[in-house]
Amino acid sequence: MSKIGSEPELRDFDDYDTLSGEKKRVVWGVVIVGILIGCVFFAASKIYTDKGDAIIIHDDITNVPLSKSIL
């Protein structure tokens, strides 16, 4: 039993262990829609990302100066 003003507890939910019926379909629907939206964004990022404007630098760092001590 839950008290007024207290946090809900898992034992207060009747269908915590076994979702069924409409609730189960809603949960699976949300999961599938989320995956589909993620796939659309992934595909769009691969298609519409322009990599032709990248600046290529061939200058290697050959000498790293010693760092100054803060202490």
N, C-alpha and C. Protein backbone atom coordinates (compact mmCIF):
# COMPACT_ATOMS: atom_id res chain seq x y z
N MET A 1 0.82 -1.19 0.00
CA MET A 1 0.00 0.00 0.00
C MET A 1 0.86 1.25 0.00
N SER A 2 0.45 2.21 -0.78
CA SER A 2 1.22 3.45 -0.79
C SER A 2 0.56 4.46 0.11
N LYS A 3 1.39 5.26 0.73
CA LYS A 3 0.89 6.30 1.62
C LYS A 3 0.80 7.60 0.84
N ILE A 4 -0.01 8.49 1.31
CA ILE A 4 -0.14 9.79 0.65
C ILE A 4 1.16 10.56 0.82
N GLY A 5 1.69 11.07 -0.30
CA GLY A 5 2.92 11.86 -0.26
C GLY A 5 4.20 11.04 -0.29
N SER A 6 4.08 9.72 -0.38
CA SER A 6 5.30 8.90 -0.41
C SER A 6 5.65 8.55 -1.85
N GLU A 7 6.86 8.10 -2.05
CA GLU A 7 7.33 7.69 -3.36
C GLU A 7 6.66 6.38 -3.76
N PRO A 8 6.35 6.18 -5.06
CA PRO A 8 5.79 4.89 -5.49
C PRO A 8 6.84 3.79 -5.37
N GLU A 9 6.38 2.61 -5.07
CA GLU A 9 7.26 1.46 -4.95
C GLU A 9 6.87 0.41 -5.97
N LEU A 10 7.81 -0.45 -6.33
CA LEU A 10 7.55 -1.47 -7.35
C LEU A 10 6.41 -2.39 -6.95
N ARG A 11 6.28 -2.69 -5.69
CA ARG A 11 5.21 -3.60 -5.27
C ARG A 11 3.83 -2.98 -5.42
N ASP A 12 3.78 -1.66 -5.62
CA ASP A 12 2.49 -0.99 -5.82
C ASP A 12 1.97 -1.17 -7.25
N PHE A 13 2.81 -1.54 -8.18
CA PHE A 13 2.39 -1.72 -9.55
C PHE A 13 1.95 -3.17 -9.76
N ASP A 14 0.72 -3.33 -10.23
CA ASP A 14 0.18 -4.68 -10.41
C ASP A 14 0.83 -5.41 -11.57
N ASP A 15 1.21 -4.69 -12.63
CA ASP A 15 1.73 -5.35 -13.83
C ASP A 15 3.22 -5.12 -14.01
N TYR A 16 3.95 -4.98 -12.92
CA TYR A 16 5.39 -4.72 -13.02
C TYR A 16 6.10 -5.88 -13.69
N ASP A 17 5.82 -7.11 -13.30
CA ASP A 17 6.53 -8.26 -13.82
C ASP A 17 6.01 -8.72 -15.18
N THR A 18 4.73 -8.56 -15.41
CA THR A 18 4.15 -9.08 -16.65
C THR A 18 3.30 -8.02 -17.31
N LEU A 19 3.87 -7.32 -18.28
CA LEU A 19 3.08 -6.40 -19.08
C LEU A 19 2.27 -7.22 -20.07
N SER A 20 1.05 -6.82 -20.30
CA SER A 20 0.25 -7.54 -21.27
C SER A 20 -0.76 -6.60 -21.91
N GLY A 21 -1.29 -7.03 -23.02
CA GLY A 21 -2.34 -6.28 -23.67
C GLY A 21 -1.86 -4.97 -24.28
N GLU A 22 -2.67 -3.94 -24.10
CA GLU A 22 -2.41 -2.63 -24.69
C GLU A 22 -1.10 -2.01 -24.19
N LYS A 23 -0.78 -2.16 -22.92
CA LYS A 23 0.46 -1.58 -22.37
C LYS A 23 1.69 -2.19 -23.05
N LYS A 24 1.65 -3.50 -23.28
CA LYS A 24 2.77 -4.17 -23.91
C LYS A 24 2.94 -3.67 -25.35
N ARG A 25 1.85 -3.48 -26.08
CA ARG A 25 1.92 -2.97 -27.45
C ARG A 25 2.45 -1.54 -27.47
N VAL A 26 2.05 -0.73 -26.50
CA VAL A 26 2.54 0.65 -26.44
C VAL A 26 4.04 0.68 -26.18
N VAL A 27 4.51 -0.14 -25.26
CA VAL A 27 5.95 -0.18 -24.94
C VAL A 27 6.74 -0.61 -26.17
N TRP A 28 6.31 -1.67 -26.86
CA TRP A 28 7.01 -2.13 -28.05
C TRP A 28 6.93 -1.10 -29.17
N GLY A 29 5.81 -0.42 -29.28
CA GLY A 29 5.67 0.63 -30.28
C GLY A 29 6.65 1.76 -30.06
N VAL A 30 6.80 2.18 -28.81
CA VAL A 30 7.75 3.25 -28.49
C VAL A 30 9.18 2.81 -28.78
N VAL A 31 9.52 1.58 -28.44
CA VAL A 31 10.87 1.07 -28.69
C VAL A 31 11.15 1.03 -30.19
N ILE A 32 10.20 0.52 -30.96
CA ILE A 32 10.41 0.40 -32.41
C ILE A 32 10.49 1.77 -33.07
N VAL A 33 9.62 2.70 -32.67
CA VAL A 33 9.66 4.05 -33.23
C VAL A 33 10.99 4.74 -32.88
N GLY A 34 11.49 4.54 -31.67
CA GLY A 34 12.78 5.11 -31.28
C GLY A 34 13.92 4.57 -32.13
N ILE A 35 13.89 3.27 -32.39
CA ILE A 35 14.94 2.67 -33.23
C ILE A 35 14.84 3.19 -34.66
N LEU A 36 13.63 3.31 -35.19
CA LEU A 36 13.45 3.82 -36.55
C LEU A 36 13.92 5.27 -36.68
N ILE A 37 13.60 6.10 -35.70
CA ILE A 37 14.05 7.49 -35.72
C ILE A 37 15.57 7.55 -35.67
N GLY A 38 16.18 6.71 -34.84
CA GLY A 38 17.64 6.66 -34.78
C GLY A 38 18.25 6.25 -36.10
N CYS A 39 17.64 5.28 -36.78
CA CYS A 39 18.15 4.85 -38.09
C CYS A 39 18.03 5.96 -39.12
N VAL A 40 16.92 6.71 -39.09
CA VAL A 40 16.74 7.81 -40.04
C VAL A 40 17.81 8.88 -39.81
N PHE A 41 18.06 9.24 -38.57
CA PHE A 41 19.08 10.25 -38.29
C PHE A 41 20.47 9.75 -38.67
N PHE A 42 20.76 8.48 -38.45
CA PHE A 42 22.06 7.92 -38.82
C PHE A 42 22.24 7.96 -40.33
N ALA A 43 21.20 7.53 -41.07
CA ALA A 43 21.29 7.54 -42.53
C ALA A 43 21.42 8.97 -43.06
N ALA A 44 20.67 9.90 -42.47
CA ALA A 44 20.74 11.30 -42.93
C ALA A 44 22.12 11.88 -42.65
N SER A 45 22.73 11.52 -41.53
CA SER A 45 24.06 12.05 -41.24
C SER A 45 25.10 11.49 -42.21
N LYS A 46 24.92 10.26 -42.66
CA LYS A 46 25.85 9.67 -43.62
C LYS A 46 25.66 10.26 -45.01
N ILE A 47 24.43 10.56 -45.38
CA ILE A 47 24.13 11.07 -46.73
C ILE A 47 24.47 12.54 -46.85
N TYR A 48 24.09 13.35 -45.88
CA TYR A 48 24.16 14.80 -46.01
C TYR A 48 25.41 15.44 -45.41
N THR A 49 26.29 14.65 -44.84
CA THR A 49 27.52 15.21 -44.29
C THR A 49 28.52 15.42 -45.42
N ASP A 50 28.99 16.66 -45.59
CA ASP A 50 29.94 16.99 -46.65
C ASP A 50 31.35 16.90 -46.11
N LYS A 51 32.10 15.94 -46.60
CA LYS A 51 33.48 15.77 -46.15
C LYS A 51 34.46 16.35 -47.14
N GLY A 52 33.98 17.04 -48.17
CA GLY A 52 34.84 17.60 -49.19
C GLY A 52 35.54 18.87 -48.76
N ASP A 53 35.11 19.46 -47.66
CA ASP A 53 35.72 20.71 -47.23
C ASP A 53 36.72 20.51 -46.09
N ALA A 54 37.20 19.30 -45.90
CA ALA A 54 38.16 19.02 -44.84
C ALA A 54 39.53 19.58 -45.21
N ILE A 55 40.22 20.10 -44.24
CA ILE A 55 41.57 20.65 -44.45
C ILE A 55 42.57 19.57 -44.07
N ILE A 56 43.38 19.16 -45.01
CA ILE A 56 44.38 18.13 -44.77
C ILE A 56 45.69 18.80 -44.40
N ILE A 57 46.27 18.39 -43.28
CA ILE A 57 47.53 18.95 -42.80
C ILE A 57 48.57 17.85 -42.79
N HIS A 58 49.71 18.10 -43.45
CA HIS A 58 50.78 17.12 -43.53
C HIS A 58 51.97 17.49 -42.65
N ASP A 59 51.82 18.46 -41.78
CA ASP A 59 52.91 18.94 -40.93
C ASP A 59 52.96 18.10 -39.66
N ASP A 60 54.00 17.31 -39.52
CA ASP A 60 54.16 16.51 -38.31
C ASP A 60 54.87 17.33 -37.24
N ILE A 61 54.52 17.09 -36.00
CA ILE A 61 55.20 17.76 -34.89
C ILE A 61 56.48 16.98 -34.63
N THR A 62 57.61 17.64 -34.81
CA THR A 62 58.89 16.96 -34.65
C THR A 62 59.58 17.33 -33.35
N ASN A 63 59.27 18.50 -32.80
CA ASN A 63 59.95 18.94 -31.59
C ASN A 63 58.89 19.51 -30.65
N VAL A 64 58.75 18.89 -29.49
CA VAL A 64 57.80 19.36 -28.49
C VAL A 64 58.59 20.07 -27.40
N PRO A 65 58.34 21.36 -27.17
CA PRO A 65 59.07 22.10 -26.14
C PRO A 65 58.74 21.56 -24.75
N LEU A 66 59.71 21.69 -23.84
CA LEU A 66 59.49 21.24 -22.48
C LEU A 66 58.44 22.12 -21.81
N SER A 67 57.60 21.50 -21.01
CA SER A 67 56.58 22.27 -20.30
C SER A 67 57.21 22.95 -19.09
N LYS A 68 56.66 24.08 -18.74
CA LYS A 68 57.15 24.83 -17.58
C LYS A 68 56.44 24.31 -16.33
N SER A 69 57.18 24.20 -15.27
CA SER A 69 56.63 23.73 -14.02
C SER A 69 55.85 24.83 -13.34
N ILE A 70 54.68 24.51 -12.83
CA ILE A 70 53.85 25.50 -12.14
C ILE A 70 54.36 25.72 -10.72
N LEU A 71 54.99 24.71 -10.15
CA LEU A 71 55.42 24.79 -8.75
C LEU A 71 56.56 25.70 -8.56
